[in-house]
């Protein structure tokens, strides 16, 4: 895949974020992670991220290797092992995940306090962002991994034949930054759009990937907001007014 399709999300989300997402999704005790089930789902996300050519996928591969190692240790014969003294192979990973969760929760609490304080202190009009134009209040803000899961369903709907043909020959060399510029203009005009409306009914696999990468880049630039009705619902994309003038065609990180 060419450099025009390579994306750097700059800590958009990391391997531990994905683990926390999967633990919460499965509604399991963080101290008793079902490694086999979590690993299978983790590898599914990793495969999609690799296809999207996200630069951070390398970090996720390291975590996948760690999960595989933990799983292999848990499968070792234990006839001669004193279970009272044996350390759970998941222990180190769980401790790392708990510490990360504590830091993440603290960060979110500080951000909530800052937001609350900002609402009580008047700011110049130029410093206040425009309100989002998302009208459906039932939609909730979603994270990267929720978007990836919804996007995977869209790719699956294209069918296996389309997927195989798209892998054999690349028919779309349009840079992601061009998709981003087009999407931003459409949202500026319409306010909100479902992702299916953005893609259209006759999009190829590569075009669908292009629109999704454009969505991620605009989200990174805080030029849009993405919401979802529920786990099965479609992604809804909303326009966010930029603080200044942004020329998406000239952005260095829109590659």
Protein backbone atom coordinates (compact mmCIF):
# COMPACT_ATOMS: atom_id res chain seq x y z
CA UNK A 1 0.00 0.00 0.00
CA UNK A 2 1.41 3.44 -0.94
CA UNK A 3 2.39 6.21 1.48
CA UNK A 4 -0.79 8.09 0.47
CA UNK A 5 -2.73 5.46 2.43
CA UNK A 6 -0.54 5.30 5.54
CA UNK A 7 -2.09 6.83 8.64
CA UNK A 8 -0.44 8.04 11.85
CA UNK A 9 -3.06 8.54 14.54
CA UNK A 10 -0.58 9.83 17.16
CA UNK A 11 -1.74 7.90 20.24
CA UNK A 12 -5.33 7.83 19.06
CA UNK A 13 -5.58 4.58 21.00
CA UNK A 14 -3.18 1.88 22.10
CA UNK A 15 -2.99 -1.85 22.84
CA UNK A 16 -4.07 -1.41 26.46
CA UNK A 17 -7.05 0.67 25.30
CA UNK A 18 -8.13 -2.25 23.14
CA UNK A 19 -7.73 -4.71 26.02
CA UNK A 20 -9.85 -2.51 28.28
CA UNK A 21 -12.43 -2.19 25.52
CA UNK A 22 -12.65 -5.98 25.13
CA UNK A 23 -12.82 -6.61 28.88
CA UNK A 24 -15.67 -4.11 29.23
CA UNK A 25 -17.43 -5.48 26.17
CA UNK A 26 -17.29 -9.04 27.54
CA UNK A 27 -18.32 -7.78 31.00
CA UNK A 28 -15.70 -9.94 32.71
CA UNK A 29 -13.63 -9.43 35.84
CA UNK A 30 -10.41 -7.67 34.93
CA UNK A 31 -8.61 -10.00 37.37
CA UNK A 32 -9.94 -13.07 35.56
CA UNK A 33 -9.50 -12.28 31.87
CA UNK A 34 -10.58 -15.13 29.53
CA UNK A 35 -7.36 -15.00 27.52
CA UNK A 36 -8.45 -17.32 24.70
CA UNK A 37 -11.65 -15.37 23.90
CA UNK A 38 -9.96 -11.98 24.28
CA UNK A 39 -7.03 -13.08 22.09
CA UNK A 40 -9.33 -14.16 19.26
CA UNK A 41 -11.14 -10.82 19.29
CA UNK A 42 -7.88 -8.91 19.64
CA UNK A 43 -6.44 -10.64 16.56
CA UNK A 44 -9.59 -9.74 14.63
CA UNK A 45 -9.08 -6.05 15.39
CA UNK A 46 -5.38 -6.37 14.58
CA UNK A 47 -6.13 -7.89 11.16
CA UNK A 48 -8.41 -4.96 10.31
CA UNK A 49 -5.90 -2.37 11.55
CA UNK A 50 -3.18 -4.03 9.46
CA UNK A 51 -5.38 -3.88 6.36
CA UNK A 52 -6.06 -0.20 7.05
CA UNK A 53 -2.27 0.27 7.27
CA UNK A 54 -2.37 2.11 10.59
CA UNK A 55 1.19 2.79 11.73
CA UNK A 56 0.35 1.92 15.33
CA UNK A 57 -0.49 -1.66 14.31
CA UNK A 58 3.09 -2.64 15.18
CA UNK A 59 2.49 -1.83 18.85
CA UNK A 60 -0.65 -3.95 18.79
CA UNK A 61 1.35 -6.88 17.37
CA UNK A 62 3.64 -6.76 20.40
CA UNK A 63 0.65 -7.03 22.71
CA UNK A 64 -0.78 -9.85 20.59
CA UNK A 65 2.49 -11.74 21.10
CA UNK A 66 2.20 -11.16 24.84
CA UNK A 67 -1.35 -12.52 24.88
CA UNK A 68 -0.24 -15.58 22.91
CA UNK A 69 2.58 -16.18 25.40
CA UNK A 70 0.19 -15.92 28.34
CA UNK A 71 -2.23 -18.31 26.65
CA UNK A 72 0.54 -20.84 25.98
CA UNK A 73 1.65 -20.71 29.63
CA UNK A 74 -1.90 -21.30 30.79
CA UNK A 75 -2.09 -24.39 28.55
CA UNK A 76 1.07 -25.99 29.94
CA UNK A 77 0.58 -29.25 31.91
CA UNK A 78 0.16 -28.56 35.62
CA UNK A 79 0.42 -32.06 37.13
CA UNK A 80 3.68 -31.25 38.89
CA UNK A 81 2.87 -27.65 39.74
CA UNK A 82 1.97 -26.51 43.24
CA UNK A 83 -1.07 -24.38 42.45
CA UNK A 84 -0.81 -22.65 45.83
CA UNK A 85 2.58 -21.24 44.86
CA UNK A 86 2.10 -20.92 41.10
CA UNK A 87 1.76 -17.33 39.85
CA UNK A 88 -1.11 -16.80 37.45
CA UNK A 89 0.43 -16.23 33.98
CA UNK A 90 -1.99 -13.33 33.58
CA UNK A 91 -0.75 -11.57 36.72
CA UNK A 92 1.76 -9.20 35.12
CA UNK A 93 -0.63 -8.29 32.31
CA UNK A 94 -3.50 -7.67 34.73
CA UNK A 95 -1.32 -5.43 36.92
CA UNK A 96 -0.28 -3.44 33.86
CA UNK A 97 -3.89 -3.14 32.76
CA UNK A 98 -5.07 -2.06 36.23
CA UNK A 99 -2.37 0.62 36.46
CA UNK A 100 -3.28 1.89 33.00
CA UNK A 101 -6.96 1.96 33.94
CA UNK A 102 -6.17 3.99 37.07
CA UNK A 103 -4.20 6.53 35.03
CA UNK A 104 -6.91 6.68 32.37
CA UNK A 105 -9.67 7.15 34.95
CA UNK A 106 -7.66 9.90 36.66
CA UNK A 107 -7.10 11.66 33.34
CA UNK A 108 -10.79 11.50 32.49
CA UNK A 109 -11.70 12.85 35.94
CA UNK A 110 -9.31 15.80 35.48
CA UNK A 111 -10.69 16.48 32.01
CA UNK A 112 -14.25 16.42 33.40
CA UNK A 113 -13.25 18.92 36.12
CA UNK A 114 -11.57 21.16 33.54
CA UNK A 115 -14.67 21.05 31.34
CA UNK A 116 -16.90 21.85 34.31
CA UNK A 117 -14.66 24.77 35.27
CA UNK A 118 -14.61 26.04 31.68
CA UNK A 119 -18.41 26.22 31.72
CA UNK A 120 -18.32 28.56 34.73
CA UNK A 121 -15.66 30.89 33.35
CA UNK A 122 -16.57 33.03 30.39
CA UNK A 123 -14.28 32.74 27.38
CA UNK A 124 -14.01 34.94 24.29
CA UNK A 125 -16.33 33.91 21.47
CA UNK A 126 -13.30 33.12 19.30
CA UNK A 127 -12.13 30.50 21.84
CA UNK A 128 -15.46 28.67 22.09
CA UNK A 129 -15.99 25.79 19.63
CA UNK A 130 -19.13 25.73 17.59
CA UNK A 131 -21.78 23.28 18.88
CA UNK A 132 -21.93 19.94 17.11
CA UNK A 133 -24.70 19.58 14.58
CA UNK A 134 -25.74 16.11 15.66
CA UNK A 135 -29.50 16.22 16.11
CA UNK A 136 -30.18 12.64 17.24
CA UNK A 137 -29.65 12.81 21.01
CA UNK A 138 -29.96 9.01 21.33
CA UNK A 139 -26.57 8.61 19.68
CA UNK A 140 -23.63 8.36 22.04
CA UNK A 141 -19.99 9.23 21.42
CA UNK A 142 -18.01 6.17 20.37
CA UNK A 143 -14.35 5.22 20.46
CA UNK A 144 -11.92 3.95 17.85
CA UNK A 145 -12.58 0.27 18.50
CA UNK A 146 -16.36 0.70 18.32
CA UNK A 147 -15.83 2.38 14.95
CA UNK A 148 -13.55 -0.44 13.78
CA UNK A 149 -16.17 -3.02 14.76
CA UNK A 150 -18.90 -1.13 12.88
CA UNK A 151 -16.60 -0.69 9.89
CA UNK A 152 -15.78 -4.41 9.83
CA UNK A 153 -19.49 -5.15 9.43
CA UNK A 154 -19.58 -2.81 6.43
CA UNK A 155 -16.63 -4.59 4.83
CA UNK A 156 -18.22 -7.98 5.52
CA UNK A 157 -21.39 -6.78 3.78
CA UNK A 158 -19.40 -6.22 0.57
CA UNK A 159 -19.20 -10.00 0.22
CA UNK A 160 -16.27 -12.41 -0.19
CA UNK A 161 -16.11 -12.09 -3.97
CA UNK A 162 -15.68 -8.31 -3.79
CA UNK A 163 -13.06 -8.71 -1.09
CA UNK A 164 -11.01 -11.18 -3.14
CA UNK A 165 -11.14 -9.12 -6.31
CA UNK A 166 -10.15 -5.95 -4.48
CA UNK A 167 -7.10 -7.68 -3.02
CA UNK A 168 -5.93 -8.86 -6.45
CA UNK A 169 -5.77 -5.43 -8.04
CA UNK A 170 -5.85 -1.98 -6.56
CA UNK A 171 -8.19 0.24 -8.51
CA UNK A 172 -8.23 3.36 -6.35
CA UNK A 173 -5.17 5.59 -5.91
CA UNK A 174 -7.04 8.59 -4.52
CA UNK A 175 -5.10 9.99 -1.52
CA UNK A 176 -6.81 9.86 1.85
CA UNK A 177 -6.39 13.61 2.22
CA UNK A 178 -8.56 14.04 -0.90
CA UNK A 179 -11.25 11.80 0.63
CA UNK A 180 -10.97 13.91 3.81
CA UNK A 181 -11.39 17.18 1.94
CA UNK A 182 -14.43 15.83 0.08
CA UNK A 183 -15.99 14.46 3.28
CA UNK A 184 -15.42 17.71 5.17
CA UNK A 185 -17.16 19.70 2.43
CA UNK A 186 -20.12 17.31 2.37
CA UNK A 187 -20.53 17.51 6.15
CA UNK A 188 -20.17 21.29 6.08
CA UNK A 189 -23.14 21.35 3.74
CA UNK A 190 -25.32 18.59 5.25
CA UNK A 191 -24.41 18.81 8.97
CA UNK A 192 -24.64 15.06 9.68
CA UNK A 193 -24.49 11.92 7.55
CA UNK A 194 -24.63 8.20 8.19
CA UNK A 195 -21.45 6.45 7.10
CA UNK A 196 -23.47 4.39 4.61
CA UNK A 197 -24.62 7.66 3.02
CA UNK A 198 -21.02 8.82 2.78
CA UNK A 199 -19.84 5.61 1.13
CA UNK A 200 -22.80 5.10 -1.18
CA UNK A 201 -24.19 1.84 -2.48
CA UNK A 202 -21.65 1.13 -5.23
CA UNK A 203 -18.35 1.84 -3.45
CA UNK A 204 -15.50 -0.63 -3.88
CA UNK A 205 -13.62 -2.07 -0.92
CA UNK A 206 -10.74 0.37 -1.43
CA UNK A 207 -13.09 3.34 -1.70
CA UNK A 208 -14.85 2.25 1.48
CA UNK A 209 -11.48 2.04 3.26
CA UNK A 210 -10.59 5.47 1.89
CA UNK A 211 -13.74 7.04 3.34
CA UNK A 212 -13.14 5.38 6.71
CA UNK A 213 -9.52 6.57 6.90
CA UNK A 214 -10.75 10.06 6.01
CA UNK A 215 -13.21 9.81 8.91
CA UNK A 216 -10.37 8.92 11.31
CA UNK A 217 -8.22 11.79 10.09
CA UNK A 218 -10.99 14.37 10.39
CA UNK A 219 -11.74 13.06 13.87
CA UNK A 220 -8.07 13.42 14.77
CA UNK A 221 -8.19 17.04 13.57
CA UNK A 222 -11.36 17.57 15.69
CA UNK A 223 -13.24 18.64 12.56
CA UNK A 224 -16.01 16.06 13.03
CA UNK A 225 -17.74 14.01 15.71
CA UNK A 226 -18.74 10.36 15.38
CA UNK A 227 -21.67 8.79 17.20
CA UNK A 228 -23.54 5.49 17.22
CA UNK A 229 -27.01 4.50 18.36
CA UNK A 230 -26.02 1.15 19.88
CA UNK A 231 -23.62 -1.75 19.29
CA UNK A 232 -25.51 -2.71 16.13
CA UNK A 233 -26.17 0.83 14.96
CA UNK A 234 -24.59 2.71 12.12
CA UNK A 235 -21.94 5.36 12.54
CA UNK A 236 -23.28 8.89 12.31
CA UNK A 237 -20.77 11.59 11.41
CA UNK A 238 -21.33 15.21 12.46
CA UNK A 239 -19.68 18.44 11.33
CA UNK A 240 -17.58 20.47 13.78
CA UNK A 241 -16.60 24.04 12.93
CA UNK A 242 -12.81 24.52 12.74
CA UNK A 243 -11.17 27.10 15.00
CA UNK A 244 -9.25 28.43 11.99
CA UNK A 245 -8.80 27.85 8.29
CA UNK A 246 -7.77 24.29 7.46
CA UNK A 247 -6.62 23.23 3.98
CA UNK A 248 -6.97 19.46 4.12
CA UNK A 249 -5.34 18.99 0.72
CA UNK A 250 -2.13 20.51 2.10
CA UNK A 251 -1.99 18.79 5.48
CA UNK A 252 1.28 16.84 5.86
CA UNK A 253 -0.25 14.15 8.06
CA UNK A 254 -3.13 13.50 5.66
CA UNK A 255 -1.14 10.86 3.74
